Protein backbone atom coordinates (compact mmCIF):
# COMPACT_ATOMS: atom_id res chain seq x y z
CA MET A 1 24.05 -6.00 -4.83
CA SER A 2 21.84 -8.73 -6.17
CA ALA A 3 20.52 -11.60 -4.08
CA GLN A 4 22.10 -11.18 -0.59
CA GLN A 5 24.22 -14.06 0.56
CA ARG A 6 26.17 -12.47 3.40
CA LEU A 7 25.32 -9.53 5.69
CA LEU A 8 27.65 -7.87 8.12
CA LEU A 9 26.26 -6.17 11.24
CA ILE A 10 28.66 -3.85 13.02
CA SER A 11 27.28 -3.83 16.53
CA ASP A 12 27.73 -0.95 18.96
CA PRO A 13 28.55 -2.39 22.43
CA ASP A 14 26.64 0.56 23.99
CA GLN A 15 23.41 -0.43 22.16
CA PRO A 16 23.57 -4.05 21.19
CA GLN A 17 19.80 -4.48 20.77
CA SER A 18 19.49 -1.69 18.24
CA PRO A 19 17.12 -0.91 15.30
CA ALA A 20 20.13 -1.93 13.16
CA PHE A 21 20.13 -5.34 14.76
CA ASP A 22 16.41 -5.73 14.16
CA ARG A 23 16.86 -4.74 10.48
CA ALA A 24 19.78 -7.11 9.99
CA ALA A 25 18.02 -10.08 11.52
CA ALA A 26 14.87 -9.43 9.51
CA LEU A 27 16.89 -9.22 6.27
CA ALA A 28 18.80 -12.41 7.08
CA GLU A 29 15.54 -14.16 7.88
CA ALA A 30 13.78 -12.97 4.69
CA THR A 31 16.65 -13.66 2.31
CA GLY A 32 18.42 -16.63 3.86
CA ALA A 33 21.71 -14.74 3.96
CA THR A 34 24.37 -15.51 6.51
CA LEU A 35 24.66 -12.80 9.19
CA ASP A 36 28.16 -11.93 10.49
CA ILE A 37 28.16 -9.82 13.64
CA LEU A 38 31.19 -7.68 14.47
CA VAL A 39 31.37 -6.01 17.92
CA CYS A 40 33.71 -2.99 17.94
CA GLY A 41 35.35 -1.90 21.15
CA GLY A 42 38.35 0.16 22.04
CA PRO A 43 39.81 2.74 24.42
CA SER A 44 38.03 5.99 24.68
CA GLY A 45 37.93 9.16 26.73
CA THR A 46 40.57 9.19 29.50
CA LEU A 47 41.08 5.41 29.58
CA TRP A 48 44.66 5.88 28.34
CA LEU A 49 45.45 7.80 31.52
CA LEU A 50 44.75 4.82 33.70
CA ASP A 51 47.32 2.27 34.97
CA GLU A 52 48.10 -0.43 32.44
CA ASN A 53 46.70 -3.18 34.70
CA ILE A 54 43.44 -1.35 35.00
CA ARG A 55 43.22 -0.94 31.25
CA ASP A 56 43.75 -4.62 30.83
CA GLN A 57 40.90 -5.31 33.33
CA VAL A 58 38.64 -2.96 31.44
CA ARG A 59 39.53 -4.72 28.15
CA ALA A 60 39.00 -8.19 29.71
CA ALA A 61 35.62 -7.17 31.15
CA PHE A 62 34.57 -5.92 27.73
CA PHE A 63 35.30 -9.22 26.10
CA GLU A 64 33.56 -11.15 28.87
CA ARG A 65 30.35 -9.05 28.54
CA GLN A 66 30.33 -9.28 24.77
CA HIS A 67 30.94 -12.98 24.63
CA ALA A 68 28.09 -13.66 27.05
CA TRP A 69 25.77 -11.50 24.99
CA LEU A 70 26.77 -13.07 21.76
CA ASP A 71 26.24 -16.58 23.07
CA ASN A 72 22.66 -15.74 24.00
CA LEU A 73 22.17 -13.92 20.73
CA GLY A 74 23.41 -16.91 18.79
CA GLU A 75 20.79 -19.15 20.33
CA HIS A 76 18.09 -16.58 19.56
CA LEU A 77 19.09 -16.29 15.90
CA ARG A 78 19.40 -20.07 15.40
CA ALA A 79 15.90 -20.43 16.74
CA ARG A 80 14.75 -18.15 13.92
CA GLY A 81 16.61 -20.24 11.36
CA ILE A 82 19.34 -17.61 10.86
CA GLN A 83 22.90 -18.77 10.27
CA ALA A 84 25.14 -16.34 12.19
CA THR A 85 28.75 -15.87 13.15
CA ALA A 86 30.11 -13.41 15.72
CA GLU A 87 33.49 -11.74 16.42
CA THR A 88 34.60 -9.18 18.92
CA PHE A 89 37.69 -6.94 18.66
CA TRP A 90 39.31 -4.14 20.57
CA ALA A 91 41.27 -1.55 18.60
CA ASP A 92 42.33 2.09 18.53
CA LYS A 93 41.10 2.42 14.95
CA PRO A 94 38.05 0.29 14.50
CA GLU A 95 37.58 1.36 10.83
CA LEU A 96 40.76 -0.46 9.83
CA GLU A 97 39.56 -3.65 11.64
CA VAL A 98 36.19 -3.48 9.84
CA LEU A 99 37.92 -3.02 6.44
CA ARG A 100 40.29 -5.94 7.18
CA PHE A 101 37.33 -8.08 8.12
CA LEU A 102 35.59 -7.22 4.87
CA LYS A 103 38.62 -8.29 2.89
CA THR A 104 38.44 -11.76 4.37
CA LYS A 105 34.62 -12.03 4.48
CA PRO A 106 33.09 -9.67 1.87
CA ALA A 107 29.53 -8.73 2.58
CA ASP A 108 26.70 -7.86 0.15
CA LEU A 109 25.50 -5.25 2.69
CA VAL A 110 27.17 -3.72 5.76
CA ILE A 111 24.71 -2.68 8.47
CA LYS A 112 25.45 -0.48 11.38
CA PRO A 113 23.51 1.62 13.97
CA THR A 114 23.87 5.29 13.52
CA ARG A 115 25.88 6.93 16.30
CA HIS A 116 25.14 10.64 16.48
CA GLU A 117 28.20 12.83 16.99
CA PHE A 118 27.98 16.58 17.52
CA LEU A 119 29.34 18.83 14.79
CA LEU A 120 32.22 20.24 16.89
CA LYS A 121 33.51 16.67 17.65
CA ARG A 122 33.17 15.80 13.96
CA ALA A 123 35.37 18.76 13.04
CA PHE A 124 38.30 17.25 15.00
CA ILE A 125 37.64 13.48 15.12
CA THR A 126 36.03 11.63 12.20
CA PRO A 127 33.38 9.29 13.66
CA LEU A 128 33.34 5.69 12.56
CA ASP A 129 29.98 6.28 10.67
CA TRP A 130 31.65 8.95 8.50
CA GLN A 131 34.85 6.93 8.07
CA LEU A 132 32.84 4.03 6.71
CA LEU A 133 30.75 6.35 4.51
CA ARG A 134 33.98 7.47 2.84
CA ASN A 135 35.86 4.17 2.72
CA CYS A 136 33.52 1.17 2.94
CA PRO A 137 33.68 -0.63 -0.44
CA MET A 138 30.27 -2.30 -0.03
CA PRO A 139 26.85 -0.69 0.25
CA LEU A 140 26.55 0.71 3.80
CA HIS A 141 23.22 0.66 5.63
CA LEU A 142 23.20 3.10 8.57
CA VAL A 143 20.10 2.73 10.69
CA SER A 144 18.79 5.36 13.11
CA THR A 145 15.22 4.05 13.55
CA ALA A 146 13.32 1.17 12.00
CA GLU A 147 9.56 1.47 12.34
CA HIS A 148 9.30 -1.45 10.03
CA ARG A 149 11.95 -4.20 10.44
CA LEU A 150 11.61 -4.89 6.71
CA PRO A 151 11.34 -1.59 4.89
CA ARG A 152 8.13 -0.86 2.97
CA LYS A 153 9.27 2.27 1.10
CA VAL A 154 12.79 2.74 -0.42
CA ALA A 155 13.89 5.98 -2.17
CA ALA A 156 16.83 6.14 -4.60
CA ALA A 157 18.23 9.72 -4.59
CA VAL A 158 20.00 10.57 -7.83
CA ASP A 159 21.71 13.63 -9.30
CA LEU A 160 21.38 13.76 -13.08
CA SER A 161 22.70 17.32 -13.42
CA ARG A 162 26.22 16.06 -13.94
CA THR A 163 26.93 13.88 -16.96
CA ASP A 164 30.59 12.83 -16.37
CA ALA A 165 31.30 9.15 -16.40
CA GLU A 166 31.76 8.80 -12.67
CA SER A 167 28.46 10.54 -11.84
CA THR A 168 26.57 8.56 -14.48
CA ALA A 169 27.94 5.27 -13.15
CA LEU A 170 27.11 6.27 -9.59
CA ASN A 171 23.46 7.16 -10.47
CA GLU A 172 23.03 3.78 -12.17
CA HIS A 173 24.66 2.00 -9.17
CA ILE A 174 22.38 3.86 -6.69
CA VAL A 175 19.20 2.70 -8.53
CA SER A 176 20.49 -0.85 -8.97
CA VAL A 177 21.20 -1.23 -5.28
CA ALA A 178 17.88 0.37 -4.40
CA GLU A 179 15.96 -1.87 -6.82
CA ASP A 180 17.58 -5.04 -5.42
CA PHE A 181 17.09 -3.99 -1.82
CA ALA A 182 13.45 -3.07 -2.38
CA LEU A 183 12.78 -6.33 -4.19
CA GLN A 184 14.24 -8.43 -1.40
CA CYS A 185 12.22 -6.52 1.22
CA GLY A 186 9.00 -6.44 -0.81
CA ALA A 187 9.16 -2.65 -0.60
CA LYS A 188 8.03 0.03 -3.12
CA LEU A 189 10.86 1.85 -4.92
CA HIS A 190 10.70 5.63 -5.37
CA LEU A 191 13.07 7.82 -7.35
CA VAL A 192 13.86 11.32 -6.11
CA MET A 193 16.02 14.12 -7.43
CA ALA A 194 16.54 17.56 -5.85
CA TYR A 195 17.82 20.35 -7.95
CA GLU A 196 18.77 23.90 -7.05
CA GLN A 197 16.90 26.76 -8.71
CA SER A 198 19.80 29.10 -8.69
CA GLN A 199 21.75 30.93 -11.39
CA SER A 200 25.07 29.53 -10.08
CA PHE A 201 23.79 25.99 -10.31
CA PHE A 202 22.37 26.26 -13.83
CA ALA A 203 25.37 28.32 -14.98
CA TYR A 204 27.57 25.48 -13.78
CA ALA A 205 25.43 22.97 -15.56
CA ALA A 206 25.13 24.95 -18.82
CA GLY A 207 28.58 26.40 -19.03
CA PRO A 208 29.64 30.01 -19.83
CA VAL A 209 26.35 31.30 -21.43
CA GLY A 210 24.23 34.36 -20.97
CA TRP A 211 21.73 34.04 -18.13
CA THR A 212 18.02 34.72 -18.60
CA GLU A 213 14.80 33.57 -16.90
CA ALA A 214 13.76 31.81 -20.12
CA LEU A 215 17.12 29.90 -20.11
CA GLN A 216 16.51 28.80 -16.47
CA GLU A 217 13.06 27.50 -17.43
CA GLN A 218 14.50 25.69 -20.46
CA LEU A 219 17.27 24.10 -18.37
CA THR A 220 14.84 23.03 -15.71
CA GLY A 221 12.57 21.49 -18.31
CA ASN A 222 15.50 19.68 -19.91
CA LEU A 223 16.57 18.30 -16.56
CA HIS A 224 13.08 17.18 -15.73
CA SER A 225 12.88 15.44 -19.06
CA THR A 226 16.19 13.70 -18.43
CA PHE A 227 14.90 12.62 -14.98
CA ASN A 228 11.64 11.19 -16.49
CA GLN A 229 13.60 9.36 -19.26
CA PHE A 230 15.90 7.85 -16.61
CA ALA A 231 12.89 6.79 -14.47
CA GLU A 232 11.18 5.32 -17.50
CA ARG A 233 14.24 3.35 -18.43
CA ARG A 234 14.45 1.97 -14.85
CA GLY A 235 10.72 1.12 -14.74
CA VAL A 236 9.78 3.56 -11.99
CA PRO A 237 6.12 4.54 -12.41
CA GLY A 238 5.06 8.22 -12.59
CA HIS A 239 3.47 8.42 -9.13
CA ARG A 240 6.76 7.27 -7.59
CA ARG A 241 8.94 9.88 -9.33
CA HIS A 242 9.77 13.01 -7.33
CA PHE A 243 11.58 15.95 -9.06
CA LEU A 244 11.92 18.61 -6.38
CA PRO A 245 13.49 22.09 -6.28
CA GLY A 246 15.81 23.00 -3.47
CA VAL A 247 19.17 22.24 -1.79
CA PRO A 248 19.60 18.44 -2.11
CA ALA A 249 20.34 17.54 1.53
CA LYS A 250 17.48 19.62 2.90
CA ILE A 251 14.97 18.56 0.24
CA ILE A 252 15.83 14.84 0.44
CA THR A 253 15.43 14.96 4.20
CA GLU A 254 12.03 16.74 4.06
CA PHE A 255 10.88 14.33 1.33
CA ALA A 256 11.93 11.21 3.28
CA VAL A 257 10.16 12.36 6.45
CA ARG A 258 7.02 13.62 4.61
CA GLU A 259 6.59 10.48 2.48
CA GLU A 260 7.64 8.09 5.34
CA MET A 261 10.50 6.55 3.53
CA ASP A 262 12.13 3.74 5.53
CA VAL A 263 15.43 3.91 3.60
CA VAL A 264 17.07 6.48 1.34
CA VAL A 265 19.77 5.19 -1.01
CA VAL A 266 22.36 7.84 -1.70
CA GLY A 267 25.74 8.08 -3.41
CA THR A 268 28.97 9.14 -1.72
CA LEU A 269 32.23 10.27 -3.14
CA THR A 270 35.64 10.83 -1.65
CA ARG A 271 35.73 14.38 -0.28
CA LYS A 272 38.67 16.82 -0.08
CA GLY A 273 39.39 20.13 1.61
CA LEU A 274 36.37 22.05 2.94
CA ASP A 275 33.96 19.51 1.41
CA LYS A 276 35.47 16.83 3.64
CA VAL A 277 34.66 18.99 6.73
CA LEU A 278 31.15 19.94 5.64
CA GLY A 279 30.42 16.40 4.46
CA SER A 280 28.58 14.93 1.49
CA THR A 281 24.80 14.79 1.01
CA ALA A 282 24.89 11.30 2.55
CA GLU A 283 26.60 12.65 5.65
CA GLN A 284 24.26 15.64 5.90
CA VAL A 285 21.09 13.53 5.82
CA LEU A 286 22.50 10.76 8.00
CA TYR A 287 21.03 11.93 11.30
CA LYS A 288 17.79 13.24 9.87
CA VAL A 289 16.16 10.23 8.15
CA PRO A 290 15.31 6.76 9.55
CA SER A 291 18.08 5.10 7.61
CA ILE A 292 20.28 5.36 4.53
CA ILE A 293 22.14 3.03 2.27
CA ALA A 294 25.30 4.76 0.96
CA VAL A 295 26.99 3.42 -2.16
CA ARG A 296 30.32 4.41 -3.73
CA PRO A 297 30.90 4.58 -7.51
CA PRO A 298 31.39 1.03 -8.88
CA GLU A 299 34.93 0.01 -9.61
CA ALA A 300 35.87 0.18 -13.27
């Protein structure tokens, strides 16, 4: 994600004037990028129980409302010098429509308001936010709140405890996306890593070796040294490096709130089995920080 040329805002028809819209418009205005707006609608709840004619009326009313809103919105954006397009669709599986749209109009950044779903519902129905976290090929900016329309503080959350090729590439990609985003917003870039001070964690990292307190201190020191070397190579100054003990999702959330980070850039991987139900770190911090940008490992 270098200089942004095209942004995609996925608008929620229930909250069209959202913090995500404010963020998208501010980014388009600051960077000169084209802003595509996609309004997602579809049957929900008990709508499928209604008569087919009534369902058609609901669908037609939805399009009428959205087109009127988008016409007014287009005038507002053009007055700010923002080049924008708009499209509305109605589908049972909005994720598929979004991914199809991205194939025809690739975006440098996909922006969407966060829609909070309770844990019980997430166990049975995967919300659109989570579907996109797992499948969106472009950096995905999910916005809950936006105190500043253009972010002032951006944190890149990395995990340097794993040295396999995929993890290494993902860490580099996280920081590259965060660097570019911060530069375009005029924001300060911070680097954060949370590590677990547990025997199981360090045993996993070190392999089948005898466990001692001295070994834990040595491994922690080695990991901290790796973190500082990584930060040095990426040009992150010492006062914006944060090496913190604790469970990553919890520590990253607490750090973001305490340090008033506007955006946290995190990596996300395809999940399987129980991990898919519990969610990745990105999914766990999603509802607890102002906004995230989730990035997937770069394609080989």
